[in-house]
Amino acid sequence: MGEHTDTGRPGEDFGGSGEEGGAGRGRPYLLLGGRISCVIGVLLAAGGALATLVGGTPITLGGALGVALCILGYFLGASRLATAAIVLCVASIFFALAASQGLIPGIESLDHAQPSAD
């Protein structure tokens, strides 16, 4: 009865060598994928904000796609980067919405255009 003792190390308890196998092996690739996803999301949000500034047309799609990619990055393990990136993406969306309402000087509001009197 004394041949099995709990060492607190799962690999050794089940007769293995004690090295982390299985789940730990793919983790760096998931983290890298999460970080890449977050960087692409921030670039999309920055592109949307830049298009709003330069073109004068508010674009919220870049920020929304950025949030989706950052949520994916969060689930892939890049939690700190994803949290910061989501804040930047949401700020980009708010900037585009403020520009569409005419709250940003130099960018004409889109919803206050009067129809032509025909």
N, C-alpha and C. Protein backbone atom coordinates (compact mmCIF):
# COMPACT_ATOMS: atom_id res chain seq x y z
N MET A 1 0.81 -1.19 0.00
CA MET A 1 0.00 0.00 0.00
C MET A 1 0.85 1.26 0.00
N GLY A 2 2.06 1.19 0.36
CA GLY A 2 2.90 2.37 0.46
C GLY A 2 3.58 2.74 -0.83
N GLU A 3 3.22 2.11 -1.97
CA GLU A 3 3.94 2.42 -3.19
C GLU A 3 3.45 3.68 -3.88
N HIS A 4 2.26 4.20 -3.59
CA HIS A 4 1.79 5.44 -4.21
C HIS A 4 1.71 6.54 -3.17
N THR A 5 2.49 7.57 -3.39
CA THR A 5 2.44 8.75 -2.52
C THR A 5 2.19 9.97 -3.39
N ASP A 6 1.46 10.90 -2.87
CA ASP A 6 1.12 12.12 -3.61
C ASP A 6 2.27 13.11 -3.48
N THR A 7 2.92 13.41 -4.56
CA THR A 7 4.05 14.34 -4.54
C THR A 7 3.62 15.78 -4.80
N GLY A 8 2.41 15.98 -5.26
CA GLY A 8 1.95 17.33 -5.59
C GLY A 8 2.33 17.74 -6.99
N ARG A 9 2.99 16.86 -7.73
CA ARG A 9 3.37 17.14 -9.11
C ARG A 9 2.65 16.14 -10.00
N PRO A 10 1.69 16.61 -10.81
CA PRO A 10 0.84 15.69 -11.57
C PRO A 10 1.61 14.76 -12.50
N GLY A 11 2.65 15.23 -13.12
CA GLY A 11 3.40 14.38 -14.04
C GLY A 11 4.04 13.20 -13.34
N GLU A 12 4.56 13.42 -12.14
CA GLU A 12 5.19 12.34 -11.39
C GLU A 12 4.15 11.44 -10.75
N ASP A 13 3.02 11.98 -10.35
CA ASP A 13 1.98 11.19 -9.70
C ASP A 13 1.40 10.13 -10.62
N PHE A 14 1.38 10.42 -11.93
CA PHE A 14 0.81 9.47 -12.86
C PHE A 14 1.88 8.67 -13.60
N GLY A 15 3.07 8.62 -13.07
CA GLY A 15 4.11 7.78 -13.64
C GLY A 15 4.94 8.45 -14.72
N GLY A 16 4.75 9.73 -14.94
CA GLY A 16 5.54 10.43 -15.95
C GLY A 16 6.85 10.93 -15.39
N SER A 17 7.58 11.69 -16.19
CA SER A 17 8.88 12.19 -15.77
C SER A 17 8.77 13.48 -14.97
N GLY A 18 7.59 14.03 -14.86
CA GLY A 18 7.41 15.25 -14.10
C GLY A 18 7.46 16.50 -14.96
N GLU A 19 7.76 16.36 -16.25
CA GLU A 19 7.82 17.51 -17.14
C GLU A 19 6.40 17.87 -17.56
N GLU A 20 6.21 19.16 -17.76
CA GLU A 20 4.90 19.62 -18.22
C GLU A 20 4.75 19.27 -19.69
N GLY A 21 3.77 18.49 -20.02
CA GLY A 21 3.51 18.13 -21.41
C GLY A 21 2.23 18.78 -21.86
N GLY A 22 1.52 18.19 -22.71
CA GLY A 22 0.18 18.56 -23.15
C GLY A 22 -0.14 20.02 -23.23
N ALA A 23 -0.77 20.57 -22.19
CA ALA A 23 -1.33 21.92 -22.24
C ALA A 23 -0.26 22.99 -22.29
N GLY A 24 0.87 22.79 -21.65
CA GLY A 24 1.90 23.82 -21.62
C GLY A 24 2.66 23.96 -22.92
N ARG A 25 2.55 22.97 -23.78
CA ARG A 25 3.34 22.97 -25.00
C ARG A 25 2.84 24.00 -26.01
N GLY A 26 1.55 24.18 -26.18
CA GLY A 26 1.00 25.11 -27.16
C GLY A 26 0.78 26.51 -26.63
N ARG A 27 1.04 26.75 -25.38
CA ARG A 27 0.76 28.03 -24.75
C ARG A 27 1.52 29.20 -25.37
N PRO A 28 2.81 29.11 -25.68
CA PRO A 28 3.49 30.27 -26.28
C PRO A 28 2.90 30.66 -27.63
N TYR A 29 2.43 29.70 -28.39
CA TYR A 29 1.84 30.02 -29.69
C TYR A 29 0.50 30.72 -29.51
N LEU A 30 -0.26 30.31 -28.51
CA LEU A 30 -1.52 31.00 -28.24
C LEU A 30 -1.27 32.43 -27.78
N LEU A 31 -0.27 32.62 -26.93
CA LEU A 31 0.06 33.96 -26.45
C LEU A 31 0.52 34.85 -27.60
N LEU A 32 1.35 34.30 -28.49
CA LEU A 32 1.81 35.07 -29.64
C LEU A 32 0.64 35.43 -30.54
N GLY A 33 -0.26 34.49 -30.76
CA GLY A 33 -1.45 34.77 -31.56
C GLY A 33 -2.33 35.84 -30.93
N GLY A 34 -2.45 35.81 -29.60
CA GLY A 34 -3.22 36.83 -28.89
C GLY A 34 -2.60 38.21 -29.02
N ARG A 35 -1.28 38.26 -28.91
CA ARG A 35 -0.59 39.56 -29.04
C ARG A 35 -0.72 40.10 -30.45
N ILE A 36 -0.57 39.25 -31.44
CA ILE A 36 -0.72 39.69 -32.83
C ILE A 36 -2.14 40.18 -33.08
N SER A 37 -3.11 39.48 -32.55
CA SER A 37 -4.51 39.88 -32.68
C SER A 37 -4.74 41.27 -32.07
N CYS A 38 -4.16 41.51 -30.90
CA CYS A 38 -4.32 42.81 -30.25
C CYS A 38 -3.65 43.93 -31.04
N VAL A 39 -2.47 43.66 -31.58
CA VAL A 39 -1.76 44.69 -32.35
C VAL A 39 -2.55 45.03 -33.61
N ILE A 40 -3.08 44.03 -34.29
CA ILE A 40 -3.90 44.28 -35.48
C ILE A 40 -5.15 45.07 -35.11
N GLY A 41 -5.75 44.75 -33.97
CA GLY A 41 -6.93 45.48 -33.51
C GLY A 41 -6.64 46.94 -33.24
N VAL A 42 -5.50 47.22 -32.60
CA VAL A 42 -5.12 48.61 -32.33
C VAL A 42 -4.83 49.34 -33.64
N LEU A 43 -4.18 48.67 -34.59
CA LEU A 43 -3.90 49.31 -35.88
C LEU A 43 -5.19 49.63 -36.63
N LEU A 44 -6.18 48.75 -36.56
CA LEU A 44 -7.47 49.03 -37.20
C LEU A 44 -8.15 50.23 -36.55
N ALA A 45 -8.11 50.30 -35.22
CA ALA A 45 -8.73 51.42 -34.52
C ALA A 45 -8.00 52.72 -34.83
N ALA A 46 -6.67 52.67 -34.86
CA ALA A 46 -5.91 53.88 -35.19
C ALA A 46 -6.17 54.31 -36.63
N GLY A 47 -6.31 53.35 -37.53
CA GLY A 47 -6.64 53.68 -38.91
C GLY A 47 -8.00 54.33 -39.04
N GLY A 48 -8.97 53.86 -38.25
CA GLY A 48 -10.29 54.48 -38.27
C GLY A 48 -10.26 55.90 -37.73
N ALA A 49 -9.50 56.12 -36.66
CA ALA A 49 -9.39 57.48 -36.11
C ALA A 49 -8.65 58.40 -37.08
N LEU A 50 -7.62 57.88 -37.73
CA LEU A 50 -6.88 58.69 -38.70
C LEU A 50 -7.74 59.02 -39.91
N ALA A 51 -8.53 58.06 -40.37
CA ALA A 51 -9.43 58.32 -41.49
C ALA A 51 -10.48 59.36 -41.13
N THR A 52 -10.90 59.35 -39.87
CA THR A 52 -11.86 60.36 -39.42
C THR A 52 -11.22 61.74 -39.44
N LEU A 53 -9.98 61.84 -39.01
CA LEU A 53 -9.29 63.13 -38.99
C LEU A 53 -8.99 63.64 -40.40
N VAL A 54 -8.45 62.77 -41.24
CA VAL A 54 -7.99 63.19 -42.56
C VAL A 54 -9.15 63.31 -43.54
N GLY A 55 -10.00 62.30 -43.60
CA GLY A 55 -11.07 62.29 -44.59
C GLY A 55 -12.31 63.04 -44.17
N GLY A 56 -12.49 63.24 -42.90
CA GLY A 56 -13.68 63.93 -42.42
C GLY A 56 -14.90 63.03 -42.32
N THR A 57 -14.76 61.77 -42.69
CA THR A 57 -15.87 60.83 -42.60
C THR A 57 -15.65 59.92 -41.40
N PRO A 58 -16.51 59.99 -40.40
CA PRO A 58 -16.33 59.14 -39.22
C PRO A 58 -16.49 57.66 -39.55
N ILE A 59 -15.48 56.88 -39.18
CA ILE A 59 -15.49 55.45 -39.44
C ILE A 59 -15.36 54.72 -38.11
N THR A 60 -16.43 54.04 -37.71
CA THR A 60 -16.39 53.30 -36.45
C THR A 60 -16.10 51.82 -36.66
N LEU A 61 -16.08 51.37 -37.91
CA LEU A 61 -15.87 49.96 -38.20
C LEU A 61 -14.50 49.48 -37.73
N GLY A 62 -13.46 50.29 -37.91
CA GLY A 62 -12.13 49.90 -37.48
C GLY A 62 -12.06 49.67 -35.98
N GLY A 63 -12.70 50.54 -35.22
CA GLY A 63 -12.72 50.37 -33.78
C GLY A 63 -13.50 49.15 -33.34
N ALA A 64 -14.62 48.88 -34.02
CA ALA A 64 -15.43 47.71 -33.67
C ALA A 64 -14.69 46.42 -33.98
N LEU A 65 -14.04 46.35 -35.14
CA LEU A 65 -13.24 45.18 -35.47
C LEU A 65 -12.06 45.05 -34.51
N GLY A 66 -11.50 46.19 -34.12
CA GLY A 66 -10.40 46.17 -33.16
C GLY A 66 -10.82 45.60 -31.83
N VAL A 67 -12.00 45.97 -31.36
CA VAL A 67 -12.51 45.42 -30.10
C VAL A 67 -12.69 43.91 -30.22
N ALA A 68 -13.23 43.44 -31.33
CA ALA A 68 -13.44 42.00 -31.52
C ALA A 68 -12.10 41.25 -31.53
N LEU A 69 -11.10 41.80 -32.21
CA LEU A 69 -9.79 41.15 -32.24
C LEU A 69 -9.12 41.18 -30.88
N CYS A 70 -9.33 42.25 -30.13
CA CYS A 70 -8.73 42.34 -28.80
C CYS A 70 -9.40 41.38 -27.82
N ILE A 71 -10.69 41.16 -27.98
CA ILE A 71 -11.37 40.16 -27.15
C ILE A 71 -10.81 38.77 -27.46
N LEU A 72 -10.58 38.50 -28.73
CA LEU A 72 -9.94 37.24 -29.11
C LEU A 72 -8.56 37.13 -28.48
N GLY A 73 -7.80 38.23 -28.53
CA GLY A 73 -6.47 38.24 -27.91
C GLY A 73 -6.53 38.00 -26.42
N TYR A 74 -7.56 38.52 -25.77
CA TYR A 74 -7.73 38.30 -24.34
C TYR A 74 -7.93 36.82 -24.04
N PHE A 75 -8.77 36.17 -24.84
CA PHE A 75 -9.02 34.75 -24.61
C PHE A 75 -7.82 33.88 -24.98
N LEU A 76 -6.94 34.39 -25.83
CA LEU A 76 -5.74 33.64 -26.19
C LEU A 76 -4.60 33.85 -25.20
N GLY A 77 -4.79 34.71 -24.20
CA GLY A 77 -3.81 34.82 -23.13
C GLY A 77 -3.11 36.16 -22.99
N ALA A 78 -3.31 37.09 -23.89
CA ALA A 78 -2.65 38.39 -23.80
C ALA A 78 -3.57 39.36 -23.05
N SER A 79 -3.81 39.09 -21.78
CA SER A 79 -4.86 39.82 -21.06
C SER A 79 -4.51 41.29 -20.82
N ARG A 80 -3.30 41.59 -20.42
CA ARG A 80 -2.95 43.01 -20.16
C ARG A 80 -2.95 43.83 -21.43
N LEU A 81 -2.31 43.30 -22.47
CA LEU A 81 -2.28 44.01 -23.74
C LEU A 81 -3.68 44.17 -24.32
N ALA A 82 -4.48 43.14 -24.20
CA ALA A 82 -5.84 43.19 -24.73
C ALA A 82 -6.69 44.21 -23.99
N THR A 83 -6.52 44.30 -22.68
CA THR A 83 -7.30 45.28 -21.92
C THR A 83 -6.95 46.70 -22.34
N ALA A 84 -5.67 46.98 -22.47
CA ALA A 84 -5.25 48.32 -22.91
C ALA A 84 -5.70 48.58 -24.34
N ALA A 85 -5.63 47.57 -25.19
CA ALA A 85 -6.02 47.75 -26.58
C ALA A 85 -7.52 47.97 -26.72
N ILE A 86 -8.32 47.31 -25.90
CA ILE A 86 -9.77 47.51 -25.94
C ILE A 86 -10.11 48.94 -25.53
N VAL A 87 -9.41 49.47 -24.55
CA VAL A 87 -9.65 50.87 -24.14
C VAL A 87 -9.34 51.81 -25.30
N LEU A 88 -8.24 51.57 -26.02
CA LEU A 88 -7.90 52.42 -27.16
C LEU A 88 -8.92 52.28 -28.30
N CYS A 89 -9.40 51.07 -28.53
CA CYS A 89 -10.39 50.85 -29.59
C CYS A 89 -11.71 51.54 -29.26
N VAL A 90 -12.14 51.45 -28.02
CA VAL A 90 -13.38 52.11 -27.62
C VAL A 90 -13.23 53.63 -27.69
N ALA A 91 -12.04 54.13 -27.34
CA ALA A 91 -11.78 55.57 -27.47
C ALA A 91 -11.86 55.99 -28.94
N SER A 92 -11.38 55.14 -29.84
CA SER A 92 -11.47 55.44 -31.27
C SER A 92 -12.92 55.49 -31.74
N ILE A 93 -13.73 54.58 -31.23
CA ILE A 93 -15.16 54.58 -31.58
C ILE A 93 -15.83 55.85 -31.07
N PHE A 94 -15.55 56.23 -29.82
CA PHE A 94 -16.14 57.45 -29.26
C PHE A 94 -15.68 58.68 -30.03
N PHE A 95 -14.41 58.70 -30.47
CA PHE A 95 -13.91 59.82 -31.25
C PHE A 95 -14.68 59.94 -32.56
N ALA A 96 -14.89 58.81 -33.24
CA ALA A 96 -15.62 58.84 -34.51
C ALA A 96 -17.07 59.27 -34.30
N LEU A 97 -17.68 58.80 -33.22
CA LEU A 97 -19.07 59.20 -32.95
C LEU A 97 -19.16 60.69 -32.59
N ALA A 98 -18.18 61.19 -31.84
CA ALA A 98 -18.17 62.62 -31.52
C ALA A 98 -17.97 63.45 -32.79
N ALA A 99 -17.13 62.96 -33.70
CA ALA A 99 -16.91 63.68 -34.95
C ALA A 99 -18.17 63.67 -35.81
N SER A 100 -18.92 62.59 -35.77
CA SER A 100 -20.13 62.53 -36.58
C SER A 100 -21.21 63.48 -36.06
N GLN A 101 -21.14 63.85 -34.78
CA GLN A 101 -22.12 64.77 -34.21
C GLN A 101 -21.65 66.22 -34.25
N GLY A 102 -20.46 66.46 -34.79
CA GLY A 102 -19.96 67.82 -34.92
C GLY A 102 -19.26 68.34 -33.68
N LEU A 103 -18.87 67.47 -32.77
CA LEU A 103 -18.21 67.90 -31.54
C LEU A 103 -16.71 68.11 -31.70
N ILE A 104 -16.14 67.66 -32.80
CA ILE A 104 -14.71 67.84 -33.07
C ILE A 104 -14.57 69.01 -34.04
N PRO A 105 -13.85 70.06 -33.64
CA PRO A 105 -13.70 71.21 -34.52
C PRO A 105 -12.98 70.83 -35.82
N GLY A 106 -13.47 71.34 -36.93
CA GLY A 106 -12.85 71.08 -38.22
C GLY A 106 -13.47 69.91 -38.97
N ILE A 107 -14.31 69.14 -38.31
CA ILE A 107 -14.99 68.03 -38.97
C ILE A 107 -16.48 68.31 -38.94
N GLU A 108 -17.06 68.43 -40.12
CA GLU A 108 -18.48 68.78 -40.21
C GLU A 108 -19.33 67.61 -39.76
N SER A 109 -20.41 67.93 -39.05
CA SER A 109 -21.29 66.87 -38.59
C SER A 109 -22.06 66.28 -39.76
N LEU A 110 -22.37 65.00 -39.66
CA LEU A 110 -23.04 64.32 -40.77
C LEU A 110 -24.55 64.31 -40.63
N ASP A 111 -25.08 64.40 -39.45
CA ASP A 111 -26.51 64.24 -39.27
C ASP A 111 -27.28 65.55 -39.31
N HIS A 112 -26.60 66.66 -39.45
CA HIS A 112 -27.31 67.95 -39.48
C HIS A 112 -27.45 68.51 -40.89
N ALA A 113 -27.16 67.70 -41.89
CA ALA A 113 -27.31 68.16 -43.26
C ALA A 113 -28.80 68.30 -43.60
N GLN A 114 -29.17 69.41 -44.15
CA GLN A 114 -30.56 69.68 -44.50
C GLN A 114 -30.83 69.16 -45.91
N PRO A 115 -31.98 68.57 -46.11
CA PRO A 115 -32.32 68.12 -47.48
C PRO A 115 -32.56 69.33 -48.37
N SER A 116 -32.33 69.11 -49.65
CA SER A 116 -32.54 70.22 -50.59
C SER A 116 -34.04 70.50 -50.74
N ALA A 117 -34.38 71.77 -50.93
CA ALA A 117 -35.79 72.16 -51.04
C ALA A 117 -36.20 72.10 -52.52
N ASP A 118 -36.69 70.97 -52.93
CA ASP A 118 -37.15 70.80 -54.31
C ASP A 118 -38.64 70.91 -54.42
